């Protein structure tokens, strides 16, 4: 069990929900099981999200219209919420939804 450092990035307006910061270096606390992306989403909701969680999360995943990349690879290719997070992963959330 050890802490897991990760870089979380936002783009396309998703950063507006996270204190208007595009990049966050975070250290996930040690826990008995490995961190998976689904755990990270819950952790982000409880520790980082500043407003309107319904614009970021839906059920146990991100809302449709939010692209998730792990080290520049679409998370759809990496088992989405079940991907096991590695130390120093770069996880990017990009909103593809734009108001008009």
PDB file of N, CA and C in Angstrom:
ATOM      1  N   UNK A   1       0.856  -1.185   0.000  1.00  0.00           N
ATOM      2  CA  UNK A   1       0.000   0.000   0.000  1.00  0.00           C
ATOM      3  C   UNK A   1       0.893   1.237   0.000  1.00  0.00           C
ATOM      4  N   UNK A   2       0.667   2.095  -0.964  1.00  0.00           N
ATOM      5  CA  UNK A   2       1.442   3.318  -1.040  1.00  0.00           C
ATOM      6  C   UNK A   2       0.608   4.414  -1.701  1.00  0.00           C
ATOM      7  N   UNK A   3       1.053   5.646  -1.511  1.00  0.00           N
ATOM      8  CA  UNK A   3       0.400   6.760  -2.178  1.00  0.00           C
ATOM      9  C   UNK A   3       0.680   6.674  -3.670  1.00  0.00           C
ATOM     10  N   UNK A   4      -0.230   7.207  -4.466  1.00  0.00           N
ATOM     11  CA  UNK A   4      -0.098   7.146  -5.914  1.00  0.00           C
ATOM     12  C   UNK A   4      -0.161   8.561  -6.485  1.00  0.00           C
ATOM     13  N   UNK A   5       0.978   9.105  -6.938  1.00  0.00           N
ATOM     14  CA  UNK A   5       0.941  10.436  -7.556  1.00  0.00           C
ATOM     15  C   UNK A   5       0.420  10.361  -8.978  1.00  0.00           C
ATOM     16  N   UNK A   6      -0.483  11.281  -9.338  1.00  0.00           N
ATOM     17  CA  UNK A   6      -1.005  11.362 -10.695  1.00  0.00           C
ATOM     18  C   UNK A   6      -1.159  12.832 -11.081  1.00  0.00           C
ATOM     19  N   UNK A   7      -1.143  13.083 -12.375  1.00  0.00           N
ATOM     20  CA  UNK A   7      -1.433  14.412 -12.900  1.00  0.00           C
ATOM     21  C   UNK A   7      -2.814  14.346 -13.531  1.00  0.00           C
ATOM     22  N   UNK A   8      -3.705  15.204 -13.074  1.00  0.00           N
ATOM     23  CA  UNK A   8      -5.060  15.269 -13.617  1.00  0.00           C
ATOM     24  C   UNK A   8      -5.178  16.580 -14.376  1.00  0.00           C
ATOM     25  N   UNK A   9      -5.567  16.484 -15.646  1.00  0.00           N
ATOM     26  CA  UNK A   9      -5.683  17.667 -16.491  1.00  0.00           C
ATOM     27  C   UNK A   9      -7.107  17.799 -17.016  1.00  0.00           C
ATOM     28  N   UNK A  10      -7.481  19.054 -17.300  1.00  0.00           N
ATOM     29  CA  UNK A  10      -8.815  19.345 -17.817  1.00  0.00           C
ATOM     30  C   UNK A  10      -8.707  20.248 -19.029  1.00  0.00           C
ATOM     31  N   UNK A  11      -9.648  20.095 -19.953  1.00  0.00           N
ATOM     32  CA  UNK A  11      -9.698  20.966 -21.123  1.00  0.00           C
ATOM     33  C   UNK A  11     -11.107  21.074 -21.657  1.00  0.00           C
ATOM     34  N   UNK A  12     -11.286  21.969 -22.622  1.00  0.00           N
ATOM     35  CA  UNK A  12     -12.578  22.131 -23.271  1.00  0.00           C
ATOM     36  C   UNK A  12     -13.661  22.703 -22.380  1.00  0.00           C
ATOM     37  N   UNK A  13     -13.280  23.304 -21.268  1.00  0.00           N
ATOM     38  CA  UNK A  13     -14.241  23.874 -20.338  1.00  0.00           C
ATOM     39  C   UNK A  13     -14.451  23.034 -19.092  1.00  0.00           C
ATOM     40  N   UNK A  14     -13.999  21.783 -19.073  1.00  0.00           N
ATOM     41  CA  UNK A  14     -14.162  20.946 -17.887  1.00  0.00           C
ATOM     42  C   UNK A  14     -13.450  21.551 -16.672  1.00  0.00           C
ATOM     43  N   UNK A  15     -12.386  22.327 -16.936  1.00  0.00           N
ATOM     44  CA  UNK A  15     -11.644  22.937 -15.831  1.00  0.00           C
ATOM     45  C   UNK A  15     -12.488  23.924 -15.026  1.00  0.00           C
ATOM     46  N   UNK A  16     -13.570  24.444 -15.626  1.00  0.00           N
ATOM     47  CA  UNK A  16     -14.420  25.400 -14.918  1.00  0.00           C
ATOM     48  C   UNK A  16     -15.050  24.769 -13.677  1.00  0.00           C
ATOM     49  N   UNK A  17     -15.226  23.456 -13.687  1.00  0.00           N
ATOM     50  CA  UNK A  17     -15.821  22.766 -12.538  1.00  0.00           C
ATOM     51  C   UNK A  17     -14.781  22.461 -11.468  1.00  0.00           C
ATOM     52  N   UNK A  18     -13.516  22.653 -11.793  1.00  0.00           N
ATOM     53  CA  UNK A  18     -12.426  22.286 -10.896  1.00  0.00           C
ATOM     54  C   UNK A  18     -11.544  23.485 -10.601  1.00  0.00           C
ATOM     55  N   UNK A  19     -12.171  24.519 -10.054  1.00  0.00           N
ATOM     56  CA  UNK A  19     -11.447  25.701  -9.599  1.00  0.00           C
ATOM     57  C   UNK A  19     -10.757  26.433 -10.745  1.00  0.00           C
ATOM     58  N   UNK A  20     -11.219  26.209 -11.977  1.00  0.00           N
ATOM     59  CA  UNK A  20     -10.685  26.872 -13.167  1.00  0.00           C
ATOM     60  C   UNK A  20      -9.190  26.631 -13.366  1.00  0.00           C
ATOM     61  N   UNK A  21      -8.713  25.487 -12.882  1.00  0.00           N
ATOM     62  CA  UNK A  21      -7.313  25.116 -13.066  1.00  0.00           C
ATOM     63  C   UNK A  21      -7.246  23.956 -14.052  1.00  0.00           C
ATOM     64  N   UNK A  22      -6.339  24.069 -15.021  1.00  0.00           N
ATOM     65  CA  UNK A  22      -6.237  23.046 -16.065  1.00  0.00           C
ATOM     66  C   UNK A  22      -5.429  21.828 -15.630  1.00  0.00           C
ATOM     67  N   UNK A  23      -4.539  21.982 -14.646  1.00  0.00           N
ATOM     68  CA  UNK A  23      -3.688  20.859 -14.236  1.00  0.00           C
ATOM     69  C   UNK A  23      -3.635  20.779 -12.714  1.00  0.00           C
ATOM     70  N   UNK A  24      -3.732  19.575 -12.205  1.00  0.00           N
ATOM     71  CA  UNK A  24      -3.684  19.319 -10.764  1.00  0.00           C
ATOM     72  C   UNK A  24      -2.744  18.139 -10.520  1.00  0.00           C
ATOM     73  N   UNK A  25      -1.658  18.377  -9.809  1.00  0.00           N
ATOM     74  CA  UNK A  25      -0.818  17.265  -9.347  1.00  0.00           C
ATOM     75  C   UNK A  25      -1.410  16.796  -8.034  1.00  0.00           C
ATOM     76  N   UNK A  26      -1.857  15.556  -7.975  1.00  0.00           N
ATOM     77  CA  UNK A  26      -2.458  15.030  -6.756  1.00  0.00           C
ATOM     78  C   UNK A  26      -1.764  13.733  -6.366  1.00  0.00           C
ATOM     79  N   UNK A  27      -1.824  13.454  -5.085  1.00  0.00           N
ATOM     80  CA  UNK A  27      -1.331  12.183  -4.577  1.00  0.00           C
ATOM     81  C   UNK A  27      -2.512  11.463  -3.960  1.00  0.00           C
ATOM     82  N   UNK A  28      -2.878  10.351  -4.577  1.00  0.00           N
ATOM     83  CA  UNK A  28      -4.001   9.562  -4.060  1.00  0.00           C
ATOM     84  C   UNK A  28      -3.535   8.815  -2.827  1.00  0.00           C
ATOM     85  N   UNK A  29      -4.315   8.851  -1.760  1.00  0.00           N
ATOM     86  CA  UNK A  29      -3.888   8.196  -0.527  1.00  0.00           C
ATOM     87  C   UNK A  29      -3.800   6.681  -0.660  1.00  0.00           C
ATOM     88  N   UNK A  30      -2.929   6.113   0.128  1.00  0.00           N
ATOM     89  CA  UNK A  30      -2.768   4.655   0.128  1.00  0.00           C
ATOM     90  C   UNK A  30      -4.081   4.006   0.547  1.00  0.00           C
ATOM     91  N   UNK A  31      -4.376   2.863  -0.052  1.00  0.00           N
ATOM     92  CA  UNK A  31      -5.540   2.074   0.331  1.00  0.00           C
ATOM     93  C   UNK A  31      -5.231   0.614   0.068  1.00  0.00           C
ATOM     94  N   UNK A  32      -6.075  -0.257   0.574  1.00  0.00           N
ATOM     95  CA  UNK A  32      -5.788  -1.693   0.498  1.00  0.00           C
ATOM     96  C   UNK A  32      -5.763  -2.218  -0.926  1.00  0.00           C
ATOM     97  N   UNK A  33      -6.706  -1.778  -1.745  1.00  0.00           N
ATOM     98  CA  UNK A  33      -6.757  -2.237  -3.135  1.00  0.00           C
ATOM     99  C   UNK A  33      -6.153  -1.175  -4.032  1.00  0.00           C
ATOM    100  N   UNK A  34      -5.823  -1.581  -5.263  1.00  0.00           N
ATOM    101  CA  UNK A  34      -5.277  -0.628  -6.218  1.00  0.00           C
ATOM    102  C   UNK A  34      -6.334   0.411  -6.592  1.00  0.00           C
ATOM    103  N   UNK A  35      -5.877   1.603  -6.925  1.00  0.00           N
ATOM    104  CA  UNK A  35      -6.777   2.638  -7.421  1.00  0.00           C
ATOM    105  C   UNK A  35      -7.176   2.312  -8.854  1.00  0.00           C
ATOM    106  N   UNK A  36      -8.469   2.385  -9.130  1.00  0.00           N
ATOM    107  CA  UNK A  36      -8.955   2.279 -10.503  1.00  0.00           C
ATOM    108  C   UNK A  36      -9.601   3.615 -10.866  1.00  0.00           C
ATOM    109  N   UNK A  37      -9.820   3.832 -12.150  1.00  0.00           N
ATOM    110  CA  UNK A  37     -10.377   5.115 -12.578  1.00  0.00           C
ATOM    111  C   UNK A  37     -11.740   5.396 -11.952  1.00  0.00           C
ATOM    112  N   UNK A  38     -12.544   4.379 -11.746  1.00  0.00           N
ATOM    113  CA  UNK A  38     -13.834   4.590 -11.090  1.00  0.00           C
ATOM    114  C   UNK A  38     -13.665   5.153  -9.683  1.00  0.00           C
ATOM    115  N   UNK A  39     -12.664   4.651  -8.944  1.00  0.00           N
ATOM    116  CA  UNK A  39     -12.365   5.187  -7.609  1.00  0.00           C
ATOM    117  C   UNK A  39     -11.927   6.643  -7.714  1.00  0.00           C
ATOM    118  N   UNK A  40     -11.107   6.924  -8.732  1.00  0.00           N
ATOM    119  CA  UNK A  40     -10.614   8.292  -8.914  1.00  0.00           C
ATOM    120  C   UNK A  40     -11.764   9.261  -9.150  1.00  0.00           C
ATOM    121  N   UNK A  41     -12.752   8.866  -9.954  1.00  0.00           N
ATOM    122  CA  UNK A  41     -13.895   9.749 -10.213  1.00  0.00           C
ATOM    123  C   UNK A  41     -14.624  10.093  -8.921  1.00  0.00           C
ATOM    124  N   UNK A  42     -14.821   9.108  -8.061  1.00  0.00           N
ATOM    125  CA  UNK A  42     -15.467   9.367  -6.769  1.00  0.00           C
ATOM    126  C   UNK A  42     -14.601  10.269  -5.910  1.00  0.00           C
ATOM    127  N   UNK A  43     -13.292  10.002  -5.884  1.00  0.00           N
ATOM    128  CA  UNK A  43     -12.364  10.827  -5.112  1.00  0.00           C
ATOM    129  C   UNK A  43     -12.382  12.273  -5.615  1.00  0.00           C
ATOM    130  N   UNK A  44     -12.395  12.441  -6.936  1.00  0.00           N
ATOM    131  CA  UNK A  44     -12.439  13.790  -7.514  1.00  0.00           C
ATOM    132  C   UNK A  44     -13.723  14.508  -7.123  1.00  0.00           C
ATOM    133  N   UNK A  45     -14.835  13.796  -7.156  1.00  0.00           N
ATOM    134  CA  UNK A  45     -16.116  14.407  -6.773  1.00  0.00           C
ATOM    135  C   UNK A  45     -16.060  14.897  -5.329  1.00  0.00           C
ATOM    136  N   UNK A  46     -15.464  14.101  -4.456  1.00  0.00           N
ATOM    137  CA  UNK A  46     -15.441  14.438  -3.036  1.00  0.00           C
ATOM    138  C   UNK A  46     -14.344  15.425  -2.653  1.00  0.00           C
ATOM    139  N   UNK A  47     -13.269  15.507  -3.432  1.00  0.00           N
ATOM    140  CA  UNK A  47     -12.108  16.293  -3.030  1.00  0.00           C
ATOM    141  C   UNK A  47     -11.737  17.444  -3.959  1.00  0.00           C
ATOM    142  N   UNK A  48     -12.203  17.417  -5.190  1.00  0.00           N
ATOM    143  CA  UNK A  48     -11.764  18.424  -6.152  1.00  0.00           C
ATOM    144  C   UNK A  48     -12.894  19.224  -6.786  1.00  0.00           C
ATOM    145  N   UNK A  49     -14.015  18.592  -7.018  1.00  0.00           N
ATOM    146  CA  UNK A  49     -15.109  19.213  -7.762  1.00  0.00           C
ATOM    147  C   UNK A  49     -15.701  20.364  -6.956  1.00  0.00           C
ATOM    148  N   UNK A  50     -15.738  21.537  -7.564  1.00  0.00           N
ATOM    149  CA  UNK A  50     -16.189  22.730  -6.857  1.00  0.00           C
ATOM    150  C   UNK A  50     -17.664  23.030  -7.064  1.00  0.00           C
ATOM    151  N   UNK A  51     -18.236  22.571  -8.149  1.00  0.00           N
ATOM    152  CA  UNK A  51     -19.627  22.912  -8.445  1.00  0.00           C
ATOM    153  C   UNK A  51     -20.229  21.931  -9.435  1.00  0.00           C
ATOM    154  N   UNK A  52     -21.515  21.803  -9.398  1.00  0.00           N
ATOM    155  CA  UNK A  52     -22.330  21.097 -10.390  1.00  0.00           C
ATOM    156  C   UNK A  52     -21.787  19.741 -10.826  1.00  0.00           C
ATOM    157  N   UNK A  53     -21.728  18.771  -9.917  1.00  0.00           N
ATOM    158  CA  UNK A  53     -21.209  17.456 -10.274  1.00  0.00           C
ATOM    159  C   UNK A  53     -21.965  16.800 -11.419  1.00  0.00           C
ATOM    160  N   UNK A  54     -23.228  17.172 -11.630  1.00  0.00           N
ATOM    161  CA  UNK A  54     -24.012  16.564 -12.705  1.00  0.00           C
ATOM    162  C   UNK A  54     -23.463  16.930 -14.094  1.00  0.00           C
ATOM    163  N   UNK A  55     -22.637  17.959 -14.179  1.00  0.00           N
ATOM    164  CA  UNK A  55     -22.024  18.319 -15.451  1.00  0.00           C
ATOM    165  C   UNK A  55     -20.777  17.491 -15.751  1.00  0.00           C
ATOM    166  N   UNK A  56     -20.294  16.757 -14.738  1.00  0.00           N
ATOM    167  CA  UNK A  56     -19.084  15.960 -14.911  1.00  0.00           C
ATOM    168  C   UNK A  56     -19.352  14.462 -14.802  1.00  0.00           C
ATOM    169  N   UNK A  57     -20.198  14.094 -13.835  1.00  0.00           N
ATOM    170  CA  UNK A  57     -20.428  12.678 -13.565  1.00  0.00           C
ATOM    171  C   UNK A  57     -21.858  12.273 -13.888  1.00  0.00           C
ATOM    172  N   UNK A  58     -21.997  11.025 -14.311  1.00  0.00           N
ATOM    173  CA  UNK A  58     -23.324  10.435 -14.509  1.00  0.00           C
ATOM    174  C   UNK A  58     -23.222   8.978 -14.101  1.00  0.00           C
ATOM    175  N   UNK A  59     -24.041   8.579 -13.154  1.00  0.00           N
ATOM    176  CA  UNK A  59     -23.970   7.246 -12.570  1.00  0.00           C
ATOM    177  C   UNK A  59     -22.549   7.040 -12.027  1.00  0.00           C
ATOM    178  N   UNK A  60     -21.851   6.005 -12.441  1.00  0.00           N
ATOM    179  CA  UNK A  60     -20.515   5.741 -11.910  1.00  0.00           C
ATOM    180  C   UNK A  60     -19.413   6.055 -12.911  1.00  0.00           C
ATOM    181  N   UNK A  61     -19.693   6.976 -13.835  1.00  0.00           N
ATOM    182  CA  UNK A  61     -18.711   7.308 -14.856  1.00  0.00           C
ATOM    183  C   UNK A  61     -18.812   8.794 -15.169  1.00  0.00           C
ATOM    184  N   UNK A  62     -18.053   9.244 -16.162  1.00  0.00           N
ATOM    185  CA  UNK A  62     -18.191  10.625 -16.610  1.00  0.00           C
ATOM    186  C   UNK A  62     -19.409  10.732 -17.507  1.00  0.00           C
ATOM    187  N   UNK A  63     -19.907  11.936 -17.641  1.00  0.00           N
ATOM    188  CA  UNK A  63     -21.045  12.173 -18.534  1.00  0.00           C
ATOM    189  C   UNK A  63     -20.657  11.938 -19.981  1.00  0.00           C
ATOM    190  N   UNK A  64     -21.614  11.556 -20.799  1.00  0.00           N
ATOM    191  CA  UNK A  64     -21.340  11.517 -22.238  1.00  0.00           C
ATOM    192  C   UNK A  64     -20.885  12.906 -22.686  1.00  0.00           C
ATOM    193  N   UNK A  65     -19.920  12.940 -23.581  1.00  0.00           N
ATOM    194  CA  UNK A  65     -19.403  14.228 -24.032  1.00  0.00           C
ATOM    195  C   UNK A  65     -18.115  14.623 -23.342  1.00  0.00           C
ATOM    196  N   UNK A  66     -17.660  13.830 -22.392  1.00  0.00           N
ATOM    197  CA  UNK A  66     -16.368  14.079 -21.761  1.00  0.00           C
ATOM    198  C   UNK A  66     -15.416  12.977 -22.200  1.00  0.00           C
ATOM    199  N   UNK A  67     -14.385  13.390 -22.899  1.00  0.00           N
ATOM    200  CA  UNK A  67     -13.360  12.472 -23.381  1.00  0.00           C
ATOM    201  C   UNK A  67     -12.342  12.271 -22.261  1.00  0.00           C
ATOM    202  N   UNK A  68     -11.997  11.020 -21.984  1.00  0.00           N
ATOM    203  CA  UNK A  68     -11.018  10.707 -20.944  1.00  0.00           C
ATOM    204  C   UNK A  68      -9.818  10.042 -21.607  1.00  0.00           C
ATOM    205  N   UNK A  69      -8.646  10.602 -21.323  1.00  0.00           N
ATOM    206  CA  UNK A  69      -7.397  10.051 -21.841  1.00  0.00           C
ATOM    207  C   UNK A  69      -6.507   9.641 -20.679  1.00  0.00           C
ATOM    208  N   UNK A  70      -5.845   8.503 -20.817  1.00  0.00           N
ATOM    209  CA  UNK A  70      -4.838   8.063 -19.849  1.00  0.00           C
ATOM    210  C   UNK A  70      -3.517   8.026 -20.606  1.00  0.00           C
ATOM    211  N   UNK A  71      -2.607   8.910 -20.226  1.00  0.00           N
ATOM    212  CA  UNK A  71      -1.325   9.020 -20.934  1.00  0.00           C
ATOM    213  C   UNK A  71      -1.537   9.131 -22.447  1.00  0.00           C
ATOM    214  N   UNK A  72      -2.472  10.006 -22.831  1.00  0.00           N
ATOM    215  CA  UNK A  72      -2.802  10.304 -24.233  1.00  0.00           C
ATOM    216  C   UNK A  72      -3.507   9.177 -24.978  1.00  0.00           C
ATOM    217  N   UNK A  73      -3.989   8.166 -24.283  1.00  0.00           N
ATOM    218  CA  UNK A  73      -4.727   7.069 -24.911  1.00  0.00           C
ATOM    219  C   UNK A  73      -6.174   7.092 -24.421  1.00  0.00           C
ATOM    220  N   UNK A  74      -7.119   6.987 -25.344  1.00  0.00           N
ATOM    221  CA  UNK A  74      -8.537   6.979 -25.001  1.00  0.00           C
ATOM    222  C   UNK A  74      -8.819   5.864 -23.994  1.00  0.00           C
ATOM    223  N   UNK A  75      -9.489   6.213 -22.914  1.00  0.00           N
ATOM    224  CA  UNK A  75      -9.746   5.219 -21.865  1.00  0.00           C
ATOM    225  C   UNK A  75     -10.641   4.087 -22.344  1.00  0.00           C
ATOM    226  N   UNK A  76     -11.352   4.299 -23.441  1.00  0.00           N
ATOM    227  CA  UNK A  76     -12.175   3.226 -24.009  1.00  0.00           C
ATOM    228  C   UNK A  76     -11.305   2.035 -24.404  1.00  0.00           C
ATOM    229  N   UNK A  77     -10.037   2.289 -24.707  1.00  0.00           N
ATOM    230  CA  UNK A  77      -9.101   1.226 -25.072  1.00  0.00           C
ATOM    231  C   UNK A  77      -8.442   0.616 -23.837  1.00  0.00           C
ATOM    232  N   UNK A  78      -8.739   1.182 -22.655  1.00  0.00           N
ATOM    233  CA  UNK A  78      -8.044   0.775 -21.431  1.00  0.00           C
ATOM    234  C   UNK A  78      -9.008   0.340 -20.331  1.00  0.00           C
ATOM    235  N   UNK A  79     -10.164  -0.185 -20.697  1.00  0.00           N
ATOM    236  CA  UNK A  79     -11.131  -0.725 -19.737  1.00  0.00           C
ATOM    237  C   UNK A  79     -11.824   0.352 -18.899  1.00  0.00           C
ATOM    238  N   UNK A  80     -11.907   1.547 -19.398  1.00  0.00           N
ATOM    239  CA  UNK A  80     -12.612   2.693 -18.794  1.00  0.00           C
ATOM    240  C   UNK A  80     -12.456   2.742 -17.274  1.00  0.00           C
ATOM    241  N   UNK A  81     -13.578   2.673 -16.531  1.00  0.00           N
ATOM    242  CA  UNK A  81     -13.535   2.865 -15.076  1.00  0.00           C
ATOM    243  C   UNK A  81     -12.757   1.772 -14.352  1.00  0.00           C
ATOM    244  N   UNK A  82     -12.459   0.665 -15.030  1.00  0.00           N
ATOM    245  CA  UNK A  82     -11.739  -0.442 -14.392  1.00  0.00           C
ATOM    246  C   UNK A  82     -10.229  -0.379 -14.600  1.00  0.00           C
ATOM    247  N   UNK A  83      -9.747   0.637 -15.317  1.00  0.00           N
ATOM    248  CA  UNK A  83      -8.311   0.779 -15.537  1.00  0.00           C
ATOM    249  C   UNK A  83      -7.598   0.970 -14.192  1.00  0.00           C
ATOM    250  N   UNK A  84      -6.532   0.203 -13.962  1.00  0.00           N
ATOM    251  CA  UNK A  84      -5.748   0.317 -12.731  1.00  0.00           C
ATOM    252  C   UNK A  84      -4.742   1.453 -12.899  1.00  0.00           C
ATOM    253  N   UNK A  85      -4.875   2.458 -12.058  1.00  0.00           N
ATOM    254  CA  UNK A  85      -4.018   3.640 -12.133  1.00  0.00           C
ATOM    255  C   UNK A  85      -2.604   3.297 -11.676  1.00  0.00           C
ATOM    256  N   UNK A  86      -1.635   3.780 -12.457  1.00  0.00           N
ATOM    257  CA  UNK A  86      -0.219   3.592 -12.141  1.00  0.00           C
ATOM    258  C   UNK A  86       0.361   4.918 -11.639  1.00  0.00           C
ATOM    259  N   UNK A  87       1.403   4.856 -10.838  1.00  0.00           N
ATOM    260  CA  UNK A  87       2.075   6.072 -10.385  1.00  0.00           C
ATOM    261  C   UNK A  87       2.475   6.915 -11.584  1.00  0.00           C
ATOM    262  N   UNK A  88       2.255   8.206 -11.459  1.00  0.00           N
ATOM    263  CA  UNK A  88       2.634   9.204 -12.466  1.00  0.00           C
ATOM    264  C   UNK A  88       1.844   9.119 -13.764  1.00  0.00           C
ATOM    265  N   UNK A  89       0.688   8.441 -13.744  1.00  0.00           N
ATOM    266  CA  UNK A  89      -0.204   8.494 -14.902  1.00  0.00           C
ATOM    267  C   UNK A  89      -0.673   9.935 -15.098  1.00  0.00           C
ATOM    268  N   UNK A  90      -0.915  10.278 -16.349  1.00  0.00           N
ATOM    269  CA  UNK A  90      -1.506  11.574 -16.683  1.00  0.00           C
ATOM    270  C   UNK A  90      -2.910  11.299 -17.189  1.00  0.00           C
ATOM    271  N   UNK A  91      -3.903  11.781 -16.449  1.00  0.00           N
ATOM    272  CA  UNK A  91      -5.303  11.506 -16.756  1.00  0.00           C
ATOM    273  C   UNK A  91      -5.947  12.824 -17.161  1.00  0.00           C
ATOM    274  N   UNK A  92      -6.477  12.856 -18.375  1.00  0.00           N
ATOM    275  CA  UNK A  92      -7.001  14.097 -18.954  1.00  0.00           C
ATOM    276  C   UNK A  92      -8.484  13.955 -19.216  1.00  0.00           C
ATOM    277  N   UNK A  93      -9.228  14.990 -18.831  1.00  0.00           N
ATOM    278  CA  UNK A  93     -10.674  15.040 -19.054  1.00  0.00           C
ATOM    279  C   UNK A  93     -10.950  16.241 -19.960  1.00  0.00           C
ATOM    280  N   UNK A  94     -11.520  15.986 -21.141  1.00  0.00           N
ATOM    281  CA  UNK A  94     -11.789  17.063 -22.090  1.00  0.00           C
ATOM    282  C   UNK A  94     -13.278  17.072 -22.402  1.00  0.00           C
ATOM    283  N   UNK A  95     -13.900  18.205 -22.153  1.00  0.00           N
ATOM    284  CA  UNK A  95     -15.319  18.343 -22.479  1.00  0.00           C
ATOM    285  C   UNK A  95     -15.453  18.631 -23.968  1.00  0.00           C
ATOM    286  N   UNK A  96     -16.328  17.870 -24.619  1.00  0.00           N
ATOM    287  CA  UNK A  96     -16.592  18.114 -26.036  1.00  0.00           C
ATOM    288  C   UNK A  96     -17.937  18.814 -26.195  1.00  0.00           C
ATOM    289  N   UNK A  97     -18.560  19.181 -25.090  1.00  0.00           N
ATOM    290  CA  UNK A  97     -19.860  19.851 -25.121  1.00  0.00           C
ATOM    291  C   UNK A  97     -19.635  21.345 -25.005  1.00  0.00           C
ATOM    292  N   UNK A  98     -20.243  22.081 -25.894  1.00  0.00           N
ATOM    293  CA  UNK A  98     -20.064  23.533 -25.877  1.00  0.00           C
ATOM    294  C   UNK A  98     -21.432  24.195 -25.950  1.00  0.00           C
ATOM    295  N   UNK A  99     -21.627  25.179 -25.089  1.00  0.00           N
ATOM    296  CA  UNK A  99     -22.887  25.916 -25.100  1.00  0.00           C
ATOM    297  C   UNK A  99     -22.981  26.796 -26.332  1.00  0.00           C
ATOM    298  N   UNK A 100     -24.170  27.257 -26.609  1.00  0.00           N
ATOM    299  CA  UNK A 100     -24.301  28.101 -27.805  1.00  0.00           C
ATOM    300  C   UNK A 100     -25.491  28.993 -27.693  1.00  0.00           C
TER     301      UNK A 100
END
